[in-house]
Amino acid sequence: MDTVEIIKAVVFGVVQGVTEWLPISSTGHMILLDEFLQLDMTPEFMEMFYVVIQLGAILAVLLLFWSKLCPVSFHGKPHLKKDVLALWPKIIVACIPAGVIGILWSDMLNALFFHPLVVITMLALFGVLFLVVEHQNKEKTPTIESVEKLTYQAALWIGMFQLIAAVLPGTSRSGATIIGARIIGVSRVAAAEFTFMMAVPVMFGASAIKLMSFGIKFTAIECAVLLTGMLVAFLVSIISIRFLMSFIKKHDFRIFGWYRIALAAAAAIYFGVIE
């Protein structure tokens, strides 16, 4: 067993667990990390690894939001929870745009747009959007305070922003959906919660597609690297999600906007986009 590759997988899991949920682009950070710390694996494995490692992160969402996602209550006599049953169709509606595009044109879009210049541009653009939207909402009272109050129209609007992230790497799935939600007056807490919930079907679907494409033909080291990355991503995601939910109760998202802009500038210098 190659201990060095396992240690690298731990680092990738940490980065995934932090950047998947904070609106700062996990793709952008993974591209940068790969420049300095490359796993000694085949390109086919790495393409699958970048997606399937997210399963660890999504299990953290299921753990932390189980009561809001599970439609069955087991307290006392088991019964269906009407509020959760009403919420799931909205989650599915929000996931349809990115899901359809991902199934039909995922490989083509990756070939077209998976480039440092695109990632850098989207990091900066959505960083600016965070600053603008949060400034505009500073004195406004949210019109939608909880995920239960989201309409189908609002869910579809947020889903269209998720589509932008699915097409253009560096956007950040969580960043795009939070921006979309904030534009239509969703509170910061509700925007973050719905973003986490939307990730469940999206990430399970994307991971299933990549696993079927790669096939169940793992070597021992490939299996160890993937499972290590997923486990670390799961543990770090629990910390990241709890941090973000606590942070946004008292602060807005502007700090993440500034971070994205700074990261875009650093990446642009590193990749020679600007001198």
C-alpha atoms as a PDB file:
ATOM      1  CA  MET A   1       0.000   0.000   0.000  1.00  0.00           C
ATOM      2  CA  ASP A   2       1.417   3.388  -1.021  1.00  0.00           C
ATOM      3  CA  THR A   3       1.315   5.528   2.122  1.00  0.00           C
ATOM      4  CA  VAL A   4       2.224   8.692   0.204  1.00  0.00           C
ATOM      5  CA  GLU A   5      -0.846   8.387  -2.043  1.00  0.00           C
ATOM      6  CA  ILE A   6      -3.067   7.839   1.007  1.00  0.00           C
ATOM      7  CA  ILE A   7      -1.695  11.013   2.599  1.00  0.00           C
ATOM      8  CA  LYS A   8      -2.384  12.888  -0.631  1.00  0.00           C
ATOM      9  CA  ALA A   9      -5.945  11.527  -0.599  1.00  0.00           C
ATOM     10  CA  VAL A  10      -6.354  12.907   2.928  1.00  0.00           C
ATOM     11  CA  VAL A  11      -5.356  16.363   1.680  1.00  0.00           C
ATOM     12  CA  PHE A  12      -7.777  16.133  -1.246  1.00  0.00           C
ATOM     13  CA  GLY A  13     -10.519  15.055   1.160  1.00  0.00           C
ATOM     14  CA  VAL A  14      -9.867  18.047   3.417  1.00  0.00           C
ATOM     15  CA  VAL A  15      -9.998  20.480   0.491  1.00  0.00           C
ATOM     16  CA  GLN A  16     -13.162  18.841  -0.847  1.00  0.00           C
ATOM     17  CA  GLY A  17     -14.858  18.897   2.547  1.00  0.00           C
ATOM     18  CA  VAL A  18     -14.157  22.601   3.025  1.00  0.00           C
ATOM     19  CA  THR A  19     -14.698  23.980  -0.476  1.00  0.00           C
ATOM     20  CA  GLU A  20     -17.772  21.951  -1.440  1.00  0.00           C
ATOM     21  CA  TRP A  21     -19.949  23.764   1.084  1.00  0.00           C
ATOM     22  CA  LEU A  22     -18.336  27.164   1.458  1.00  0.00           C
ATOM     23  CA  PRO A  23     -19.270  29.146  -1.681  1.00  0.00           C
ATOM     24  CA  ILE A  24     -15.694  29.383  -2.954  1.00  0.00           C
ATOM     25  CA  SER A  25     -15.589  26.717  -5.712  1.00  0.00           C
ATOM     26  CA  SER A  26     -14.351  23.223  -5.004  1.00  0.00           C
ATOM     27  CA  THR A  27     -13.372  22.859  -8.685  1.00  0.00           C
ATOM     28  CA  GLY A  28     -11.134  25.917  -8.559  1.00  0.00           C
ATOM     29  CA  HIS A  29      -9.373  24.659  -5.463  1.00  0.00           C
ATOM     30  CA  MET A  30      -9.013  21.129  -6.830  1.00  0.00           C
ATOM     31  CA  ILE A  31      -7.391  22.457 -10.009  1.00  0.00           C
ATOM     32  CA  LEU A  32      -4.927  24.491  -7.961  1.00  0.00           C
ATOM     33  CA  LEU A  33      -4.256  21.600  -5.577  1.00  0.00           C
ATOM     34  CA  ASP A  34      -3.576  19.296  -8.522  1.00  0.00           C
ATOM     35  CA  GLU A  35      -0.889  21.706  -9.694  1.00  0.00           C
ATOM     36  CA  PHE A  36       1.073  21.219  -6.472  1.00  0.00           C
ATOM     37  CA  LEU A  37       0.014  17.786  -5.234  1.00  0.00           C
ATOM     38  CA  GLN A  38      -0.765  15.246  -7.919  1.00  0.00           C
ATOM     39  CA  LEU A  39      -2.030  11.783  -7.157  1.00  0.00           C
ATOM     40  CA  ASP A  40      -0.077   9.098  -8.987  1.00  0.00           C
ATOM     41  CA  MET A  41      -3.184   7.723 -10.670  1.00  0.00           C
ATOM     42  CA  THR A  42      -4.487   7.335 -14.213  1.00  0.00           C
ATOM     43  CA  PRO A  43      -6.357  10.250 -15.836  1.00  0.00           C
ATOM     44  CA  GLU A  44      -9.483   8.076 -15.964  1.00  0.00           C
ATOM     45  CA  PHE A  45      -9.336   7.430 -12.227  1.00  0.00           C
ATOM     46  CA  MET A  46      -8.749  11.110 -11.438  1.00  0.00           C
ATOM     47  CA  GLU A  47     -11.741  12.177 -13.531  1.00  0.00           C
ATOM     48  CA  MET A  48     -13.898   9.783 -11.534  1.00  0.00           C
ATOM     49  CA  PHE A  49     -12.212  10.614  -8.209  1.00  0.00           C
ATOM     50  CA  TYR A  50     -12.972  14.359  -8.419  1.00  0.00           C
ATOM     51  CA  VAL A  51     -16.689  13.561  -8.661  1.00  0.00           C
ATOM     52  CA  VAL A  52     -17.132  10.484  -6.468  1.00  0.00           C
ATOM     53  CA  ILE A  53     -15.172  11.954  -3.545  1.00  0.00           C
ATOM     54  CA  GLN A  54     -18.207  14.212  -3.191  1.00  0.00           C
ATOM     55  CA  LEU A  55     -20.221  11.230  -1.925  1.00  0.00           C
ATOM     56  CA  GLY A  56     -18.383  11.560   1.367  1.00  0.00           C
ATOM     57  CA  ALA A  57     -19.371  15.210   1.547  1.00  0.00           C
ATOM     58  CA  ILE A  58     -23.009  14.482   0.764  1.00  0.00           C
ATOM     59  CA  LEU A  59     -23.250  11.890   3.523  1.00  0.00           C
ATOM     60  CA  ALA A  60     -22.495  14.730   5.941  1.00  0.00           C
ATOM     61  CA  VAL A  61     -25.573  16.559   4.636  1.00  0.00           C
ATOM     62  CA  LEU A  62     -27.716  13.483   5.185  1.00  0.00           C
ATOM     63  CA  LEU A  63     -26.402  13.190   8.736  1.00  0.00           C
ATOM     64  CA  LEU A  64     -26.886  16.849   9.674  1.00  0.00           C
ATOM     65  CA  PHE A  65     -30.198  17.438   7.881  1.00  0.00           C
ATOM     66  CA  TRP A  66     -31.752  14.009   8.288  1.00  0.00           C
ATOM     67  CA  SER A  67     -34.766  15.326  10.196  1.00  0.00           C
ATOM     68  CA  LYS A  68     -35.509  17.803   7.392  1.00  0.00           C
ATOM     69  CA  LEU A  69     -34.877  15.340   4.556  1.00  0.00           C
ATOM     70  CA  CYS A  70     -36.358  12.078   5.806  1.00  0.00           C
ATOM     71  CA  PRO A  71     -40.118  12.031   5.047  1.00  0.00           C
ATOM     72  CA  VAL A  72     -40.841   9.475   7.774  1.00  0.00           C
ATOM     73  CA  SER A  73     -40.877  10.236  11.473  1.00  0.00           C
ATOM     74  CA  PHE A  74     -40.058   7.364  13.809  1.00  0.00           C
ATOM     75  CA  HIS A  75     -40.939   9.210  17.009  1.00  0.00           C
ATOM     76  CA  GLY A  76     -43.767   7.228  18.525  1.00  0.00           C
ATOM     77  CA  LYS A  77     -45.846   5.594  15.819  1.00  0.00           C
ATOM     78  CA  PRO A  78     -44.093   5.961  12.425  1.00  0.00           C
ATOM     79  CA  HIS A  79     -45.836   8.535  10.221  1.00  0.00           C
ATOM     80  CA  LEU A  80     -45.200  10.637   7.141  1.00  0.00           C
ATOM     81  CA  LYS A  81     -44.088  14.240   7.594  1.00  0.00           C
ATOM     82  CA  LYS A  82     -46.167  16.458   5.327  1.00  0.00           C
ATOM     83  CA  ASP A  83     -43.686  19.345   5.310  1.00  0.00           C
ATOM     84  CA  VAL A  84     -40.858  17.093   4.104  1.00  0.00           C
ATOM     85  CA  LEU A  85     -43.081  15.433   1.517  1.00  0.00           C
ATOM     86  CA  ALA A  86     -43.950  18.912   0.219  1.00  0.00           C
ATOM     87  CA  LEU A  87     -40.283  19.950   0.129  1.00  0.00           C
ATOM     88  CA  TRP A  88     -38.854  17.051  -1.894  1.00  0.00           C
ATOM     89  CA  PRO A  89     -40.711  17.856  -5.158  1.00  0.00           C
ATOM     90  CA  LYS A  90     -39.245  21.379  -4.975  1.00  0.00           C
ATOM     91  CA  ILE A  91     -35.751  19.939  -4.520  1.00  0.00           C
ATOM     92  CA  ILE A  92     -36.296  17.730  -7.568  1.00  0.00           C
ATOM     93  CA  VAL A  93     -37.590  20.658  -9.635  1.00  0.00           C
ATOM     94  CA  ALA A  94     -34.492  22.666  -8.683  1.00  0.00           C
ATOM     95  CA  CYS A  95     -32.239  19.800  -9.782  1.00  0.00           C
ATOM     96  CA  ILE A  96     -33.859  19.156 -13.175  1.00  0.00           C
ATOM     97  CA  PRO A  97     -32.006  21.832 -15.238  1.00  0.00           C
ATOM     98  CA  ALA A  98     -28.494  20.793 -14.147  1.00  0.00           C
ATOM     99  CA  GLY A  99     -29.454  17.109 -14.139  1.00  0.00           C
ATOM    100  CA  VAL A 100     -30.650  17.128 -17.747  1.00  0.00           C
ATOM    101  CA  ILE A 101     -27.628  19.054 -18.988  1.00  0.00           C
ATOM    102  CA  GLY A 102     -25.261  16.849 -16.981  1.00  0.00           C
ATOM    103  CA  ILE A 103     -26.698  13.617 -18.363  1.00  0.00           C
ATOM    104  CA  LEU A 104     -26.779  14.790 -21.991  1.00  0.00           C
ATOM    105  CA  TRP A 105     -23.701  16.967 -22.388  1.00  0.00           C
ATOM    106  CA  SER A 106     -21.413  16.579 -19.355  1.00  0.00           C
ATOM    107  CA  ASP A 107     -18.364  15.309 -21.262  1.00  0.00           C
ATOM    108  CA  MET A 108     -18.747  17.889 -24.039  1.00  0.00           C
ATOM    109  CA  LEU A 109     -19.080  20.759 -21.563  1.00  0.00           C
ATOM    110  CA  ASN A 110     -16.016  19.589 -19.633  1.00  0.00           C
ATOM    111  CA  ALA A 111     -14.011  19.509 -22.856  1.00  0.00           C
ATOM    112  CA  LEU A 112     -15.169  23.026 -23.765  1.00  0.00           C
ATOM    113  CA  PHE A 113     -14.976  24.827 -20.445  1.00  0.00           C
ATOM    114  CA  PHE A 114     -12.707  22.904 -18.065  1.00  0.00           C
ATOM    115  CA  HIS A 115      -9.868  25.390 -18.447  1.00  0.00           C
ATOM    116  CA  PRO A 116      -8.031  27.600 -15.921  1.00  0.00           C
ATOM    117  CA  LEU A 117      -9.173  30.789 -17.695  1.00  0.00           C
ATOM    118  CA  VAL A 118     -12.851  29.830 -17.336  1.00  0.00           C
ATOM    119  CA  VAL A 119     -12.379  28.858 -13.692  1.00  0.00           C
ATOM    120  CA  ILE A 120     -10.553  32.108 -12.910  1.00  0.00           C
ATOM    121  CA  THR A 121     -13.202  34.194 -14.678  1.00  0.00           C
ATOM    122  CA  MET A 122     -16.082  32.556 -12.820  1.00  0.00           C
ATOM    123  CA  LEU A 123     -14.288  32.775  -9.485  1.00  0.00           C
ATOM    124  CA  ALA A 124     -13.935  36.532  -9.937  1.00  0.00           C
ATOM    125  CA  LEU A 125     -17.362  37.130 -11.507  1.00  0.00           C
ATOM    126  CA  PHE A 126     -19.322  35.382  -8.780  1.00  0.00           C
ATOM    127  CA  GLY A 127     -17.080  36.970  -6.170  1.00  0.00           C
ATOM    128  CA  VAL A 128     -18.229  40.367  -7.439  1.00  0.00           C
ATOM    129  CA  LEU A 129     -21.842  39.134  -7.544  1.00  0.00           C
ATOM    130  CA  PHE A 130     -21.644  38.161  -3.873  1.00  0.00           C
ATOM    131  CA  LEU A 131     -20.521  41.681  -2.989  1.00  0.00           C
ATOM    132  CA  VAL A 132     -23.221  43.333  -5.121  1.00  0.00           C
ATOM    133  CA  VAL A 133     -26.117  41.107  -4.051  1.00  0.00           C
ATOM    134  CA  GLU A 134     -25.265  41.245  -0.349  1.00  0.00           C
ATOM    135  CA  HIS A 135     -24.891  45.037  -0.546  1.00  0.00           C
ATOM    136  CA  GLN A 136     -28.309  45.341  -2.189  1.00  0.00           C
ATOM    137  CA  ASN A 137     -29.902  43.053   0.402  1.00  0.00           C
ATOM    138  CA  LYS A 138     -28.263  44.777   3.363  1.00  0.00           C
ATOM    139  CA  GLU A 139     -31.345  46.775   4.375  1.00  0.00           C
ATOM    140  CA  LYS A 140     -33.950  44.361   3.008  1.00  0.00           C
ATOM    141  CA  THR A 141     -36.030  41.893   4.975  1.00  0.00           C
ATOM    142  CA  PRO A 142     -36.034  38.427   3.333  1.00  0.00           C
ATOM    143  CA  THR A 143     -39.353  37.466   1.764  1.00  0.00           C
ATOM    144  CA  ILE A 144     -38.647  33.738   2.191  1.00  0.00           C
ATOM    145  CA  GLU A 145     -37.381  32.886   5.660  1.00  0.00           C
ATOM    146  CA  SER A 146     -37.338  29.081   5.501  1.00  0.00           C
ATOM    147  CA  VAL A 147     -37.012  26.285   2.953  1.00  0.00           C
ATOM    148  CA  GLU A 148     -40.576  25.214   3.701  1.00  0.00           C
ATOM    149  CA  LYS A 149     -41.820  28.539   2.285  1.00  0.00           C
ATOM    150  CA  LEU A 150     -40.014  28.184  -1.041  1.00  0.00           C
ATOM    151  CA  THR A 151     -42.351  28.098  -4.044  1.00  0.00           C
ATOM    152  CA  TYR A 152     -41.852  25.928  -7.114  1.00  0.00           C
ATOM    153  CA  GLN A 153     -41.013  29.078  -9.073  1.00  0.00           C
ATOM    154  CA  ALA A 154     -38.322  30.001  -6.557  1.00  0.00           C
ATOM    155  CA  ALA A 155     -36.937  26.458  -6.607  1.00  0.00           C
ATOM    156  CA  LEU A 156     -36.716  26.501 -10.410  1.00  0.00           C
ATOM    157  CA  TRP A 157     -34.975  29.888 -10.347  1.00  0.00           C
ATOM    158  CA  ILE A 158     -32.378  28.556  -7.916  1.00  0.00           C
ATOM    159  CA  GLY A 159     -32.028  25.465 -10.109  1.00  0.00           C
ATOM    160  CA  MET A 160     -31.203  27.644 -13.112  1.00  0.00           C
ATOM    161  CA  PHE A 161     -28.327  29.147 -11.156  1.00  0.00           C
ATOM    162  CA  GLN A 162     -27.154  25.639 -10.318  1.00  0.00           C
ATOM    163  CA  LEU A 163     -27.173  25.018 -14.073  1.00  0.00           C
ATOM    164  CA  ILE A 164     -24.644  27.839 -14.509  1.00  0.00           C
ATOM    165  CA  ALA A 165     -22.326  26.049 -12.083  1.00  0.00           C
ATOM    166  CA  ALA A 166     -22.840  22.750 -13.919  1.00  0.00           C
ATOM    167  CA  VAL A 167     -21.781  24.350 -17.215  1.00  0.00           C
ATOM    168  CA  LEU A 168     -19.018  26.702 -16.065  1.00  0.00           C
ATOM    169  CA  PRO A 169     -16.425  25.311 -13.611  1.00  0.00           C
ATOM    170  CA  GLY A 170     -15.197  27.744 -10.995  1.00  0.00           C
ATOM    171  CA  THR A 171     -18.694  29.107 -10.452  1.00  0.00           C
ATOM    172  CA  SER A 172     -19.240  26.964  -7.344  1.00  0.00           C
ATOM    173  CA  ARG A 173     -22.479  25.021  -7.126  1.00  0.00           C
ATOM    174  CA  SER A 174     -23.168  26.283  -3.613  1.00  0.00           C
ATOM    175  CA  GLY A 175     -22.078  29.791  -4.569  1.00  0.00           C
ATOM    176  CA  ALA A 176     -24.347  29.948  -7.619  1.00  0.00           C
ATOM    177  CA  THR A 177     -27.421  28.608  -5.848  1.00  0.00           C
ATOM    178  CA  ILE A 178     -26.929  30.887  -2.841  1.00  0.00           C
ATOM    179  CA  ILE A 179     -26.594  33.902  -5.155  1.00  0.00           C
ATOM    180  CA  GLY A 180     -29.748  32.877  -7.021  1.00  0.00           C
ATOM    181  CA  ALA A 181     -31.651  32.428  -3.780  1.00  0.00           C
ATOM    182  CA  ARG A 182     -30.478  35.746  -2.334  1.00  0.00           C
ATOM    183  CA  ILE A 183     -31.500  37.628  -5.495  1.00  0.00           C
ATOM    184  CA  ILE A 184     -35.131  36.554  -5.031  1.00  0.00           C
ATOM    185  CA  GLY A 185     -35.186  37.396  -1.332  1.00  0.00           C
ATOM    186  CA  VAL A 186     -34.398  34.088   0.372  1.00  0.00           C
ATOM    187  CA  SER A 187     -32.765  34.445   3.787  1.00  0.00           C
ATOM    188  CA  ARG A 188     -29.117  33.463   4.147  1.00  0.00           C
ATOM    189  CA  VAL A 189     -29.904  30.455   6.341  1.00  0.00           C
ATOM    190  CA  ALA A 190     -32.675  29.166   4.050  1.00  0.00           C
ATOM    191  CA  ALA A 191     -30.495  29.725   0.978  1.00  0.00           C
ATOM    192  CA  ALA A 192     -27.666  27.672   2.476  1.00  0.00           C
ATOM    193  CA  GLU A 193     -29.982  24.903   3.700  1.00  0.00           C
ATOM    194  CA  PHE A 194     -31.690  24.526   0.323  1.00  0.00           C
ATOM    195  CA  THR A 195     -28.291  24.487  -1.381  1.00  0.00           C
ATOM    196  CA  PHE A 196     -27.195  21.595   0.832  1.00  0.00           C
ATOM    197  CA  MET A 197     -30.440  19.718   0.202  1.00  0.00           C
ATOM    198  CA  MET A 198     -30.199  20.172  -3.570  1.00  0.00           C
ATOM    199  CA  ALA A 199     -26.753  18.617  -3.464  1.00  0.00           C
ATOM    200  CA  VAL A 200     -28.137  15.224  -2.383  1.00  0.00           C
ATOM    201  CA  PRO A 201     -29.741  14.080  -5.665  1.00  0.00           C
ATOM    202  CA  VAL A 202     -27.239  16.023  -7.804  1.00  0.00           C
ATOM    203  CA  MET A 203     -24.138  14.466  -6.263  1.00  0.00           C
ATOM    204  CA  PHE A 204     -25.577  10.974  -6.009  1.00  0.00           C
ATOM    205  CA  GLY A 205     -26.573  11.161  -9.666  1.00  0.00           C
ATOM    206  CA  ALA A 206     -23.236  12.556 -10.850  1.00  0.00           C
ATOM    207  CA  SER A 207     -21.307   9.981  -8.806  1.00  0.00           C
ATOM    208  CA  ALA A 208     -23.409   7.108 -10.155  1.00  0.00           C
ATOM    209  CA  ILE A 209     -22.747   8.229 -13.746  1.00  0.00           C
ATOM    210  CA  LYS A 210     -18.996   8.492 -13.173  1.00  0.00           C
ATOM    211  CA  LEU A 211     -18.816   5.125 -11.403  1.00  0.00           C
ATOM    212  CA  MET A 212     -20.709   3.400 -14.219  1.00  0.00           C
ATOM    213  CA  SER A 213     -18.425   5.056 -16.754  1.00  0.00           C
ATOM    214  CA  PHE A 214     -15.264   4.064 -14.874  1.00  0.00           C
ATOM    215  CA  GLY A 215     -16.502   0.567 -14.052  1.00  0.00           C
ATOM    216  CA  ILE A 216     -15.984  -1.541 -10.938  1.00  0.00           C
ATOM    217  CA  LYS A 217     -12.361  -2.346 -11.673  1.00  0.00           C
ATOM    218  CA  PHE A 218     -10.445  -0.722  -8.853  1.00  0.00           C
ATOM    219  CA  THR A 219      -6.945  -1.732  -7.889  1.00  0.00           C
ATOM    220  CA  ALA A 220      -6.208  -1.971  -4.165  1.00  0.00           C
ATOM    221  CA  ILE A 221      -4.516   1.444  -4.061  1.00  0.00           C
ATOM    222  CA  GLU A 222      -7.279   3.074  -6.120  1.00  0.00           C
ATOM    223  CA  CYS A 223      -9.903   1.718  -3.728  1.00  0.00           C
ATOM    224  CA  ALA A 224      -7.898   2.893  -0.705  1.00  0.00           C
ATOM    225  CA  VAL A 225      -7.367   6.384  -2.151  1.00  0.00           C
ATOM    226  CA  LEU A 226     -11.036   6.823  -3.064  1.00  0.00           C
ATOM    227  CA  LEU A 227     -12.368   5.576   0.286  1.00  0.00           C
ATOM    228  CA  THR A 228      -9.832   7.682   2.210  1.00  0.00           C
ATOM    229  CA  GLY A 229     -10.775  10.802   0.282  1.00  0.00           C
ATOM    230  CA  MET A 230     -14.493  10.157   0.821  1.00  0.00           C
ATOM    231  CA  LEU A 231     -14.090   9.489   4.559  1.00  0.00           C
ATOM    232  CA  VAL A 232     -12.021  12.628   5.127  1.00  0.00           C
ATOM    233  CA  ALA A 233     -14.418  14.686   2.987  1.00  0.00           C
ATOM    234  CA  PHE A 234     -17.294  13.383   5.145  1.00  0.00           C
ATOM    235  CA  LEU A 235     -15.643  14.320   8.446  1.00  0.00           C
ATOM    236  CA  VAL A 236     -14.448  17.734   7.261  1.00  0.00           C
ATOM    237  CA  SER A 237     -17.829  18.469   5.660  1.00  0.00           C
ATOM    238  CA  ILE A 238     -19.550  18.088   9.023  1.00  0.00           C
ATOM    239  CA  ILE A 239     -17.279  20.778  10.445  1.00  0.00           C
ATOM    240  CA  SER A 240     -17.616  23.019   7.367  1.00  0.00           C
ATOM    241  CA  ILE A 241     -21.413  22.882   7.245  1.00  0.00           C
ATOM    242  CA  ARG A 242     -21.759  23.553  10.965  1.00  0.00           C
ATOM    243  CA  PHE A 243     -19.327  26.458  10.665  1.00  0.00           C
ATOM    244  CA  LEU A 244     -21.160  28.014   7.720  1.00  0.00           C
ATOM    245  CA  MET A 245     -24.605  27.693   9.315  1.00  0.00           C
ATOM    246  CA  SER A 246     -23.306  29.319  12.497  1.00  0.00           C
ATOM    247  CA  PHE A 247     -21.372  32.019  10.611  1.00  0.00           C
ATOM    248  CA  ILE A 248     -24.239  33.227   8.407  1.00  0.00           C
ATOM    249  CA  LYS A 249     -26.577  33.708  11.351  1.00  0.00           C
ATOM    250  CA  LYS A 250     -24.495  36.770  12.242  1.00  0.00           C
ATOM    251  CA  HIS A 251     -22.635  37.620   9.020  1.00  0.00           C
ATOM    252  CA  ASP A 252     -23.356  37.916   5.311  1.00  0.00           C
ATOM    253  CA  PHE A 253     -21.554  36.242   2.398  1.00  0.00           C
ATOM    254  CA  ARG A 254     -19.336  39.172   1.381  1.00  0.00           C
ATOM    255  CA  ILE A 255     -16.184  37.702   2.921  1.00  0.00           C
ATOM    256  CA  PHE A 256     -16.512  34.777   0.499  1.00  0.00           C
ATOM    257  CA  GLY A 257     -16.853  37.232  -2.380  1.00  0.00           C
ATOM    258  CA  TRP A 258     -13.585  38.927  -1.435  1.00  0.00           C
ATOM    259  CA  TYR A 259     -11.889  35.546  -1.009  1.00  0.00           C
ATOM    260  CA  ARG A 260     -13.005  34.441  -4.494  1.00  0.00           C
ATOM    261  CA  ILE A 261     -11.652  37.629  -6.054  1.00  0.00           C
ATOM    262  CA  ALA A 262      -8.314  37.227  -4.250  1.00  0.00           C
ATOM    263  CA  LEU A 263      -8.077  33.568  -5.273  1.00  0.00           C
ATOM    264  CA  ALA A 264      -8.903  34.455  -8.889  1.00  0.00           C
ATOM    265  CA  ALA A 265      -6.144  37.067  -8.923  1.00  0.00           C
ATOM    266  CA  ALA A 266      -3.606  34.639  -7.436  1.00  0.00           C
ATOM    267  CA  ALA A 267      -4.600  31.909  -9.901  1.00  0.00           C
ATOM    268  CA  ALA A 268      -4.437  34.346 -12.827  1.00  0.00           C
ATOM    269  CA  ILE A 269      -0.878  35.280 -11.882  1.00  0.00           C
ATOM    270  CA  TYR A 270       0.131  31.641 -11.383  1.00  0.00           C
ATOM    271  CA  PHE A 271      -1.299  30.475 -14.721  1.00  0.00           C
ATOM    272  CA  GLY A 272       0.103  33.496 -16.547  1.00  0.00           C
ATOM    273  CA  VAL A 273      -3.262  35.026 -17.378  1.00  0.00           C
ATOM    274  CA  ILE A 274      -2.051  38.316 -15.948  1.00  0.00           C
ATOM    275  CA  GLU A 275       1.505  39.432 -15.299  1.00  0.00           C
END
